[in-house]
């Protein structure tokens, strides 16, 4: 039988529990929200020297996502943009959200020899998606 849960239960009142559950859900997917095949192109886009080109290339890559991945990523990032609007209360800057969600939404199929190397770019990719949300996800 399907387990029913209520977000009204006291165990869900702590925002960290909800965020942890959300991160765990995305981390446990058989393939990340940004599919493995797009990992390297996303990282290469973040490394482009021109910020304008970075945004254009990431927007192209986002458009190439399978429709369910696109819709889910758009919805999640729209929510994270709202979280950032309350930075004075929650201290969740764009950089902090990148650190939390970068490795969850964007990860290589095989773990690289040096974890730190790829992680900074994973975080930057999420920061870029948030910083230019309206250009990458046109209404």
C-alpha atoms as a PDB file:
ATOM      1  CA  UNK A   1       0.000   0.000   0.000  1.00  0.00           C
ATOM      2  CA  UNK A   2       1.111   3.523  -0.762  1.00  0.00           C
ATOM      3  CA  UNK A   3       2.354   5.416   2.266  1.00  0.00           C
ATOM      4  CA  UNK A   4       0.415   8.635   2.872  1.00  0.00           C
ATOM      5  CA  UNK A   5       2.025  11.550   4.627  1.00  0.00           C
ATOM      6  CA  UNK A   6       0.831  14.945   5.652  1.00  0.00           C
ATOM      7  CA  UNK A   7       3.041  17.998   5.438  1.00  0.00           C
ATOM      8  CA  UNK A   8       0.944  19.362   8.325  1.00  0.00           C
ATOM      9  CA  UNK A   9       2.554  16.809  10.675  1.00  0.00           C
ATOM     10  CA  UNK A  10       4.982  18.402  13.171  1.00  0.00           C
ATOM     11  CA  UNK A  11       7.944  16.420  11.757  1.00  0.00           C
ATOM     12  CA  UNK A  12       7.718  18.549   8.584  1.00  0.00           C
ATOM     13  CA  UNK A  13       7.641  21.927  10.350  1.00  0.00           C
ATOM     14  CA  UNK A  14      11.449  22.253  10.160  1.00  0.00           C
ATOM     15  CA  UNK A  15      12.385  23.655   6.742  1.00  0.00           C
ATOM     16  CA  UNK A  16      15.665  21.703   6.875  1.00  0.00           C
ATOM     17  CA  UNK A  17      13.743  18.405   6.964  1.00  0.00           C
ATOM     18  CA  UNK A  18      11.754  19.403   3.870  1.00  0.00           C
ATOM     19  CA  UNK A  19      14.877  20.635   2.055  1.00  0.00           C
ATOM     20  CA  UNK A  20      16.731  17.466   3.014  1.00  0.00           C
ATOM     21  CA  UNK A  21      13.884  15.317   1.683  1.00  0.00           C
ATOM     22  CA  UNK A  22      13.836  17.320  -1.565  1.00  0.00           C
ATOM     23  CA  UNK A  23      17.609  16.987  -2.026  1.00  0.00           C
ATOM     24  CA  UNK A  24      17.439  13.278  -1.234  1.00  0.00           C
ATOM     25  CA  UNK A  25      14.646  12.788  -3.790  1.00  0.00           C
ATOM     26  CA  UNK A  26      16.722  14.412  -6.542  1.00  0.00           C
ATOM     27  CA  UNK A  27      19.914  12.629  -5.471  1.00  0.00           C
ATOM     28  CA  UNK A  28      18.194   9.215  -5.511  1.00  0.00           C
ATOM     29  CA  UNK A  29      16.819   9.566  -9.046  1.00  0.00           C
ATOM     30  CA  UNK A  30      18.316   6.904 -11.360  1.00  0.00           C
ATOM     31  CA  UNK A  31      19.633   9.774 -13.488  1.00  0.00           C
ATOM     32  CA  UNK A  32      20.020  13.395 -12.293  1.00  0.00           C
ATOM     33  CA  UNK A  33      17.570  16.083 -13.369  1.00  0.00           C
ATOM     34  CA  UNK A  34      20.252  17.283 -15.796  1.00  0.00           C
ATOM     35  CA  UNK A  35      20.911  13.970 -17.590  1.00  0.00           C
ATOM     36  CA  UNK A  36      24.422  12.512 -17.580  1.00  0.00           C
ATOM     37  CA  UNK A  37      24.836  13.230 -21.283  1.00  0.00           C
ATOM     38  CA  UNK A  38      24.463  16.965 -20.620  1.00  0.00           C
ATOM     39  CA  UNK A  39      26.849  17.119 -17.663  1.00  0.00           C
ATOM     40  CA  UNK A  40      29.999  17.872 -19.680  1.00  0.00           C
ATOM     41  CA  UNK A  41      28.268  20.379 -22.004  1.00  0.00           C
ATOM     42  CA  UNK A  42      26.895  22.240 -18.928  1.00  0.00           C
ATOM     43  CA  UNK A  43      30.343  22.369 -17.321  1.00  0.00           C
ATOM     44  CA  UNK A  44      31.920  23.532 -20.607  1.00  0.00           C
ATOM     45  CA  UNK A  45      29.256  26.267 -20.881  1.00  0.00           C
ATOM     46  CA  UNK A  46      30.090  27.538 -17.376  1.00  0.00           C
ATOM     47  CA  UNK A  47      33.785  27.675 -18.341  1.00  0.00           C
ATOM     48  CA  UNK A  48      33.173  29.919 -21.385  1.00  0.00           C
ATOM     49  CA  UNK A  49      35.066  33.206 -20.951  1.00  0.00           C
ATOM     50  CA  UNK A  50      32.150  35.452 -22.004  1.00  0.00           C
ATOM     51  CA  UNK A  51      29.249  35.614 -19.486  1.00  0.00           C
ATOM     52  CA  UNK A  52      26.794  36.364 -22.314  1.00  0.00           C
ATOM     53  CA  UNK A  53      27.894  33.184 -24.120  1.00  0.00           C
ATOM     54  CA  UNK A  54      27.578  31.203 -20.891  1.00  0.00           C
ATOM     55  CA  UNK A  55      23.916  32.206 -20.551  1.00  0.00           C
ATOM     56  CA  UNK A  56      23.136  31.571 -24.229  1.00  0.00           C
ATOM     57  CA  UNK A  57      24.771  28.130 -24.188  1.00  0.00           C
ATOM     58  CA  UNK A  58      23.103  27.091 -20.919  1.00  0.00           C
ATOM     59  CA  UNK A  59      19.747  28.273 -22.287  1.00  0.00           C
ATOM     60  CA  UNK A  60      20.286  26.066 -25.375  1.00  0.00           C
ATOM     61  CA  UNK A  61      21.161  23.091 -23.181  1.00  0.00           C
ATOM     62  CA  UNK A  62      18.112  23.651 -20.970  1.00  0.00           C
ATOM     63  CA  UNK A  63      15.896  23.763 -24.083  1.00  0.00           C
ATOM     64  CA  UNK A  64      17.304  20.355 -25.077  1.00  0.00           C
ATOM     65  CA  UNK A  65      16.203  18.713 -21.805  1.00  0.00           C
ATOM     66  CA  UNK A  66      13.433  16.109 -21.990  1.00  0.00           C
ATOM     67  CA  UNK A  67      10.106  17.904 -21.284  1.00  0.00           C
ATOM     68  CA  UNK A  68       9.582  16.387 -17.773  1.00  0.00           C
ATOM     69  CA  UNK A  69      13.153  17.347 -16.769  1.00  0.00           C
ATOM     70  CA  UNK A  70      12.694  20.858 -18.189  1.00  0.00           C
ATOM     71  CA  UNK A  71       9.393  21.384 -16.355  1.00  0.00           C
ATOM     72  CA  UNK A  72      10.740  20.034 -13.064  1.00  0.00           C
ATOM     73  CA  UNK A  73      13.964  22.052 -13.258  1.00  0.00           C
ATOM     74  CA  UNK A  74      12.013  25.216 -14.118  1.00  0.00           C
ATOM     75  CA  UNK A  75       9.602  24.689 -11.220  1.00  0.00           C
ATOM     76  CA  UNK A  76      12.379  23.929  -8.716  1.00  0.00           C
ATOM     77  CA  UNK A  77      14.521  26.896  -9.800  1.00  0.00           C
ATOM     78  CA  UNK A  78      11.499  29.244  -9.708  1.00  0.00           C
ATOM     79  CA  UNK A  79      10.980  28.134  -6.104  1.00  0.00           C
ATOM     80  CA  UNK A  80      14.681  28.625  -5.292  1.00  0.00           C
ATOM     81  CA  UNK A  81      14.480  32.141  -6.770  1.00  0.00           C
ATOM     82  CA  UNK A  82      11.673  32.829  -4.268  1.00  0.00           C
ATOM     83  CA  UNK A  83      13.865  31.401  -1.480  1.00  0.00           C
ATOM     84  CA  UNK A  84      16.644  33.842  -2.489  1.00  0.00           C
ATOM     85  CA  UNK A  85      14.233  36.774  -2.197  1.00  0.00           C
ATOM     86  CA  UNK A  86      14.161  36.069   1.557  1.00  0.00           C
ATOM     87  CA  UNK A  87      17.964  36.024   1.925  1.00  0.00           C
ATOM     88  CA  UNK A  88      17.752  38.472   4.856  1.00  0.00           C
ATOM     89  CA  UNK A  89      15.813  35.830   6.827  1.00  0.00           C
ATOM     90  CA  UNK A  90      17.217  32.532   5.527  1.00  0.00           C
ATOM     91  CA  UNK A  91      20.801  33.464   4.472  1.00  0.00           C
ATOM     92  CA  UNK A  92      20.272  31.425   1.284  1.00  0.00           C
ATOM     93  CA  UNK A  93      22.294  33.439  -1.199  1.00  0.00           C
ATOM     94  CA  UNK A  94      22.604  32.319  -4.810  1.00  0.00           C
ATOM     95  CA  UNK A  95      26.034  30.922  -3.923  1.00  0.00           C
ATOM     96  CA  UNK A  96      24.681  28.956  -0.938  1.00  0.00           C
ATOM     97  CA  UNK A  97      21.878  27.475  -3.047  1.00  0.00           C
ATOM     98  CA  UNK A  98      24.463  26.541  -5.694  1.00  0.00           C
ATOM     99  CA  UNK A  99      26.499  24.716  -3.049  1.00  0.00           C
ATOM    100  CA  UNK A 100      23.433  22.863  -1.765  1.00  0.00           C
ATOM    101  CA  UNK A 101      21.829  21.948  -5.096  1.00  0.00           C
ATOM    102  CA  UNK A 102      24.732  21.904  -7.603  1.00  0.00           C
ATOM    103  CA  UNK A 103      25.915  18.353  -6.884  1.00  0.00           C
ATOM    104  CA  UNK A 104      22.299  17.147  -6.571  1.00  0.00           C
ATOM    105  CA  UNK A 105      20.933  18.436  -9.890  1.00  0.00           C
ATOM    106  CA  UNK A 106      24.090  18.076 -11.950  1.00  0.00           C
ATOM    107  CA  UNK A 107      26.455  15.174 -11.484  1.00  0.00           C
ATOM    108  CA  UNK A 108      28.777  13.125 -13.681  1.00  0.00           C
ATOM    109  CA  UNK A 109      27.966   9.504 -14.428  1.00  0.00           C
ATOM    110  CA  UNK A 110      31.318   8.412 -12.967  1.00  0.00           C
ATOM    111  CA  UNK A 111      32.750  10.274 -10.021  1.00  0.00           C
ATOM    112  CA  UNK A 112      35.887  12.159 -11.129  1.00  0.00           C
ATOM    113  CA  UNK A 113      39.255  11.568  -9.471  1.00  0.00           C
ATOM    114  CA  UNK A 114      39.101  15.013  -7.900  1.00  0.00           C
ATOM    115  CA  UNK A 115      35.676  15.756  -6.435  1.00  0.00           C
ATOM    116  CA  UNK A 116      36.388  19.395  -5.641  1.00  0.00           C
ATOM    117  CA  UNK A 117      37.310  20.249  -9.243  1.00  0.00           C
ATOM    118  CA  UNK A 118      33.920  19.432 -10.750  1.00  0.00           C
ATOM    119  CA  UNK A 119      31.908  20.554  -7.756  1.00  0.00           C
ATOM    120  CA  UNK A 120      32.765  24.241  -8.089  1.00  0.00           C
ATOM    121  CA  UNK A 121      31.470  24.197 -11.663  1.00  0.00           C
ATOM    122  CA  UNK A 122      28.345  22.246 -10.709  1.00  0.00           C
ATOM    123  CA  UNK A 123      27.612  24.970  -8.150  1.00  0.00           C
ATOM    124  CA  UNK A 124      28.355  27.711 -10.709  1.00  0.00           C
ATOM    125  CA  UNK A 125      25.965  26.088 -13.189  1.00  0.00           C
ATOM    126  CA  UNK A 126      23.131  26.259 -10.642  1.00  0.00           C
ATOM    127  CA  UNK A 127      24.095  29.855  -9.756  1.00  0.00           C
ATOM    128  CA  UNK A 128      23.960  30.758 -13.460  1.00  0.00           C
ATOM    129  CA  UNK A 129      20.527  29.131 -13.845  1.00  0.00           C
ATOM    130  CA  UNK A 130      19.257  31.168 -10.886  1.00  0.00           C
ATOM    131  CA  UNK A 131      20.942  34.445 -11.871  1.00  0.00           C
ATOM    132  CA  UNK A 132      19.500  34.358 -15.393  1.00  0.00           C
ATOM    133  CA  UNK A 133      16.307  32.394 -14.737  1.00  0.00           C
ATOM    134  CA  UNK A 134      14.094  34.692 -16.851  1.00  0.00           C
ATOM    135  CA  UNK A 135      16.425  34.460 -19.879  1.00  0.00           C
ATOM    136  CA  UNK A 136      16.995  30.713 -19.599  1.00  0.00           C
ATOM    137  CA  UNK A 137      13.345  29.866 -18.921  1.00  0.00           C
ATOM    138  CA  UNK A 138      11.338  32.373 -20.974  1.00  0.00           C
ATOM    139  CA  UNK A 139       7.717  32.679 -19.859  1.00  0.00           C
END
